[in-house]
């Protein structure tokens, strides 16, 4: 069975009529579900049987293993060797001293040097380290605009939006639904701050995982028979200060940390 590299490879196979016979609002939404392995190509009634036979009935998502993470991390560390950290400090909103660039990650100091050695009170894991390195290497130092936009409106965000929603927004919403008190506690732990309720949400909080890459979390509580909802928004400068890979990696990493803490809390208080 052939693997799809991204959502658009699936989308190109479809007739793009948005007929909704697959029970999805659009062909792009259906393509995202196929890419995630949640639906199969044969659920599209307009597809030619030969196409279905060629590409198989279900796309099995390949989750990057530890070896893949280590390989990607090594590439970034090699690039870091040639990075002028004193100039990077000016671009990234950090400080440079004694051969180290120090950034505020969730309001707490996180230092690194050209050899890729890290120093922080935060728990350091590859899902956070890789976006941080990408930020240091590619951040353009643009001022924040104050304009919040969803992930899909970032450059190259639309084709990865389905996976982003699954890994970040839906998982974070589940945490907020299950442990509402803990959800706010976690925001405080990571130096988040409440802001005016954007988009008529019940809770609006801003996190600063990186100095120039803030996240806005909007949560709507369940009410009058309506289900809860949660969405993440990003400053429109994120395209230039982070890029889609950094934003995606940061959001996924943050949600993973929240999830682990929520599970620990649930076990202890269950």
Protein backbone atom coordinates (compact mmCIF):
# COMPACT_ATOMS: atom_id res chain seq x y z
CA UNK A 1 0.00 0.00 0.00
CA UNK A 2 1.33 3.47 -0.94
CA UNK A 3 1.85 5.99 1.87
CA UNK A 4 0.74 9.61 1.50
CA UNK A 5 3.36 12.23 2.34
CA UNK A 6 0.79 14.92 3.13
CA UNK A 7 -2.89 15.82 2.94
CA UNK A 8 -2.59 17.38 -0.52
CA UNK A 9 -1.53 14.06 -2.06
CA UNK A 10 -4.88 12.64 -0.97
CA UNK A 11 -6.77 15.76 -2.01
CA UNK A 12 -5.41 15.58 -5.58
CA UNK A 13 -7.08 12.18 -6.03
CA UNK A 14 -10.55 13.55 -5.25
CA UNK A 15 -12.98 15.26 -7.64
CA UNK A 16 -13.24 18.28 -5.29
CA UNK A 17 -17.01 18.64 -5.62
CA UNK A 18 -17.64 18.80 -1.84
CA UNK A 19 -20.63 16.50 -2.30
CA UNK A 20 -20.59 15.51 1.42
CA UNK A 21 -21.51 11.90 0.66
CA UNK A 22 -18.53 10.87 2.80
CA UNK A 23 -20.13 12.78 5.72
CA UNK A 24 -17.44 15.45 5.67
CA UNK A 25 -18.12 19.11 4.90
CA UNK A 26 -15.46 19.34 2.18
CA UNK A 27 -13.16 17.14 0.11
CA UNK A 28 -10.20 18.69 1.92
CA UNK A 29 -11.67 17.67 5.28
CA UNK A 30 -12.12 14.12 3.96
CA UNK A 31 -8.53 14.10 2.66
CA UNK A 32 -7.30 15.12 6.12
CA UNK A 33 -9.20 12.23 7.73
CA UNK A 34 -7.73 9.78 5.20
CA UNK A 35 -4.22 11.11 5.83
CA UNK A 36 -4.74 10.68 9.58
CA UNK A 37 -5.94 7.11 9.07
CA UNK A 38 -9.41 7.94 10.40
CA UNK A 39 -11.17 7.27 7.11
CA UNK A 40 -10.46 5.18 4.04
CA UNK A 41 -10.41 6.23 0.40
CA UNK A 42 -13.21 3.80 -0.50
CA UNK A 43 -15.59 5.97 1.55
CA UNK A 44 -15.54 8.48 -1.32
CA UNK A 45 -18.27 7.29 -3.77
CA UNK A 46 -16.82 9.34 -6.64
CA UNK A 47 -13.42 7.65 -6.69
CA UNK A 48 -12.56 5.19 -9.42
CA UNK A 49 -12.12 1.63 -8.07
CA UNK A 50 -8.69 1.44 -9.70
CA UNK A 51 -7.55 4.44 -7.63
CA UNK A 52 -8.83 2.83 -4.46
CA UNK A 53 -7.08 -0.43 -5.28
CA UNK A 54 -3.80 1.37 -6.04
CA UNK A 55 -3.69 3.40 -2.84
CA UNK A 56 -5.24 0.87 -0.49
CA UNK A 57 -8.22 1.06 1.80
CA UNK A 58 -6.63 2.88 4.70
CA UNK A 59 -3.67 5.17 5.12
CA UNK A 60 -1.57 4.01 8.04
CA UNK A 61 0.02 7.00 9.69
CA UNK A 62 3.71 6.56 10.40
CA UNK A 63 4.57 8.19 13.71
CA UNK A 64 8.18 9.37 13.84
CA UNK A 65 10.17 7.19 16.19
CA UNK A 66 12.94 8.14 18.54
CA UNK A 67 15.56 7.49 15.85
CA UNK A 68 13.85 10.02 13.54
CA UNK A 69 13.72 12.60 16.31
CA UNK A 70 17.39 12.14 17.10
CA UNK A 71 18.31 12.48 13.44
CA UNK A 72 16.31 15.70 13.05
CA UNK A 73 17.79 17.05 16.27
CA UNK A 74 21.32 16.33 15.05
CA UNK A 75 20.69 18.26 11.82
CA UNK A 76 19.53 21.31 13.79
CA UNK A 77 22.49 21.11 16.17
CA UNK A 78 24.90 21.01 13.21
CA UNK A 79 23.29 24.17 11.82
CA UNK A 80 23.58 25.80 15.25
CA UNK A 81 27.38 25.49 15.12
CA UNK A 82 27.52 28.19 12.42
CA UNK A 83 24.90 30.46 14.02
CA UNK A 84 26.03 33.81 15.47
CA UNK A 85 24.26 33.61 18.83
CA UNK A 86 24.92 37.28 19.66
CA UNK A 87 23.00 38.31 16.52
CA UNK A 88 20.41 35.63 17.17
CA UNK A 89 19.76 37.19 20.59
CA UNK A 90 18.76 40.44 18.86
CA UNK A 91 16.41 38.62 16.47
CA UNK A 92 14.78 36.32 19.01
CA UNK A 93 14.26 38.62 21.99
CA UNK A 94 16.95 36.83 24.00
CA UNK A 95 20.20 37.78 25.73
CA UNK A 96 23.74 36.74 24.89
CA UNK A 97 26.53 36.33 27.45
CA UNK A 98 29.49 34.00 28.00
CA UNK A 99 28.90 32.09 24.78
CA UNK A 100 25.26 31.33 25.59
CA UNK A 101 21.98 32.57 24.19
CA UNK A 102 19.28 32.74 26.87
CA UNK A 103 15.59 32.88 25.97
CA UNK A 104 12.52 33.05 28.15
CA UNK A 105 10.54 29.84 27.58
CA UNK A 106 7.21 30.14 29.39
CA UNK A 107 8.80 33.02 31.29
CA UNK A 108 11.70 30.87 32.52
CA UNK A 109 15.35 31.06 31.33
CA UNK A 110 16.46 28.52 28.73
CA UNK A 111 20.09 28.78 27.62
CA UNK A 112 21.95 27.11 24.77
CA UNK A 113 25.39 27.32 23.17
CA UNK A 114 26.76 26.61 19.69
CA UNK A 115 27.39 22.97 20.58
CA UNK A 116 23.70 22.42 21.23
CA UNK A 117 24.06 22.13 25.00
CA UNK A 118 21.01 23.24 26.96
CA UNK A 119 20.62 24.66 30.44
CA UNK A 120 17.20 25.14 32.00
CA UNK A 121 15.00 24.43 35.01
CA UNK A 122 12.36 23.25 32.55
CA UNK A 123 12.11 19.59 31.59
CA UNK A 124 14.00 19.35 28.30
CA UNK A 125 12.58 16.97 25.70
CA UNK A 126 13.00 16.71 21.89
CA UNK A 127 9.48 17.96 21.17
CA UNK A 128 10.35 21.30 22.78
CA UNK A 129 14.06 21.47 21.92
CA UNK A 130 13.57 21.09 18.17
CA UNK A 131 11.10 24.00 17.83
CA UNK A 132 13.36 26.16 20.02
CA UNK A 133 16.35 25.43 17.77
CA UNK A 134 14.26 26.16 14.68
CA UNK A 135 13.23 29.46 16.24
CA UNK A 136 16.82 30.45 17.03
CA UNK A 137 17.97 29.61 13.51
CA UNK A 138 15.16 31.21 11.52
CA UNK A 139 13.36 33.88 13.59
CA UNK A 140 13.31 37.20 11.69
CA UNK A 141 12.66 39.34 14.77
CA UNK A 142 9.42 40.92 13.53
CA UNK A 143 7.32 42.89 16.01
CA UNK A 144 4.10 41.28 17.22
CA UNK A 145 1.05 42.54 15.34
CA UNK A 146 -1.57 41.78 17.98
CA UNK A 147 -3.70 40.16 15.26
CA UNK A 148 -4.66 36.60 16.21
CA UNK A 149 -5.20 34.05 13.44
CA UNK A 150 -5.90 30.28 13.43
CA UNK A 151 -3.26 27.74 12.44
CA UNK A 152 -4.82 27.16 9.02
CA UNK A 153 -4.20 30.82 8.05
CA UNK A 154 -0.47 30.59 8.63
CA UNK A 155 1.68 29.97 5.56
CA UNK A 156 1.43 26.25 4.66
CA UNK A 157 -0.92 25.77 7.61
CA UNK A 158 -4.00 24.71 5.66
CA UNK A 159 -2.60 21.39 4.44
CA UNK A 160 -1.50 20.44 7.98
CA UNK A 161 -4.52 21.82 9.78
CA UNK A 162 -6.29 18.46 10.11
CA UNK A 163 -3.34 16.92 11.91
CA UNK A 164 -2.87 20.06 14.01
CA UNK A 165 -6.50 19.97 15.17
CA UNK A 166 -6.21 16.30 16.14
CA UNK A 167 -2.89 16.54 17.98
CA UNK A 168 -3.32 19.92 19.61
CA UNK A 169 -6.78 21.45 19.79
CA UNK A 170 -8.86 18.31 20.35
CA UNK A 171 -6.42 16.86 22.89
CA UNK A 172 -6.22 20.14 24.79
CA UNK A 173 -10.01 20.46 24.78
CA UNK A 174 -10.30 16.99 26.30
CA UNK A 175 -7.92 18.03 29.09
CA UNK A 176 -9.93 21.20 29.72
CA UNK A 177 -13.19 19.22 29.79
CA UNK A 178 -11.85 16.55 32.13
CA UNK A 179 -9.80 18.68 34.50
CA UNK A 180 -11.14 22.26 34.27
CA UNK A 181 -9.41 23.38 37.47
CA UNK A 182 -6.16 21.78 36.50
CA UNK A 183 -6.31 23.41 33.08
CA UNK A 184 -6.11 26.88 34.62
CA UNK A 185 -3.44 25.72 37.09
CA UNK A 186 -1.28 24.51 34.23
CA UNK A 187 -1.56 27.86 32.51
CA UNK A 188 -0.36 29.56 35.67
CA UNK A 189 2.54 27.12 35.98
CA UNK A 190 3.68 28.12 32.50
CA UNK A 191 3.36 31.86 33.18
CA UNK A 192 0.23 32.31 31.10
CA UNK A 193 -2.02 35.30 31.58
CA UNK A 194 -5.75 35.77 31.26
CA UNK A 195 -6.87 38.31 28.67
CA UNK A 196 -10.21 39.71 27.62
CA UNK A 197 -12.53 37.01 26.34
CA UNK A 198 -11.76 36.84 22.66
CA UNK A 199 -14.45 35.54 20.31
CA UNK A 200 -16.92 35.42 23.25
CA UNK A 201 -15.03 32.51 24.84
CA UNK A 202 -15.42 31.69 28.53
CA UNK A 203 -11.66 31.54 29.08
CA UNK A 204 -8.98 33.32 27.05
CA UNK A 205 -5.34 32.86 27.99
CA UNK A 206 -2.06 33.77 26.36
CA UNK A 207 1.07 31.64 26.67
CA UNK A 208 4.59 32.72 25.68
CA UNK A 209 6.42 29.47 24.84
CA UNK A 210 8.89 31.69 22.94
CA UNK A 211 9.42 35.48 23.27
CA UNK A 212 8.00 36.30 19.82
CA UNK A 213 5.62 33.36 19.38
CA UNK A 214 2.65 33.78 21.74
CA UNK A 215 -0.30 31.39 21.73
CA UNK A 216 -3.88 32.43 22.47
CA UNK A 217 -6.08 29.67 23.92
CA UNK A 218 -9.84 30.19 23.78
CA UNK A 219 -12.12 27.77 25.61
CA UNK A 220 -15.91 27.64 25.55
CA UNK A 221 -17.48 25.67 28.40
CA UNK A 222 -20.36 23.24 27.71
CA UNK A 223 -23.68 25.02 28.18
CA UNK A 224 -27.39 24.42 27.53
CA UNK A 225 -26.84 21.16 25.70
CA UNK A 226 -24.01 22.56 23.57
CA UNK A 227 -20.64 20.83 23.65
CA UNK A 228 -17.49 22.60 24.77
CA UNK A 229 -14.99 23.95 22.26
CA UNK A 230 -11.36 25.05 22.22
CA UNK A 231 -9.21 26.75 19.63
CA UNK A 232 -5.62 27.99 19.43
CA UNK A 233 -4.67 31.23 17.72
CA UNK A 234 -1.29 32.73 16.80
CA UNK A 235 0.03 36.21 16.20
CA UNK A 236 0.07 36.86 12.45
CA UNK A 237 3.84 37.48 12.68
CA UNK A 238 4.36 33.76 13.49
CA UNK A 239 5.05 33.07 9.80
CA UNK A 240 8.19 35.20 9.98
CA UNK A 241 9.23 34.60 13.58
CA UNK A 242 8.67 30.86 13.68
CA UNK A 243 7.32 29.19 10.56
CA UNK A 244 4.81 26.38 10.36
CA UNK A 245 7.14 23.61 11.60
CA UNK A 246 8.08 25.51 14.75
CA UNK A 247 4.46 26.45 15.52
CA UNK A 248 3.26 22.90 14.92
CA UNK A 249 6.06 21.37 17.00
CA UNK A 250 5.60 23.80 19.87
CA UNK A 251 1.84 23.29 20.05
CA UNK A 252 2.18 19.50 19.92
CA UNK A 253 4.92 19.52 22.56
CA UNK A 254 3.00 21.79 24.91
CA UNK A 255 -0.12 19.67 24.66
CA UNK A 256 1.93 16.52 25.34
CA UNK A 257 3.28 18.10 28.52
CA UNK A 258 -0.20 19.18 29.58
CA UNK A 259 -1.56 15.72 28.88
CA UNK A 260 1.09 14.00 30.99
CA UNK A 261 0.48 16.38 33.87
CA UNK A 262 -3.27 15.94 33.57
CA UNK A 263 -2.94 12.15 33.64
CA UNK A 264 -0.71 12.36 36.71
CA UNK A 265 -3.23 14.63 38.37
CA UNK A 266 -6.06 12.26 37.46
CA UNK A 267 -4.26 9.23 38.92
CA UNK A 268 -3.43 11.04 42.12
CA UNK A 269 -6.90 12.41 42.59
CA UNK A 270 -8.98 9.72 40.94
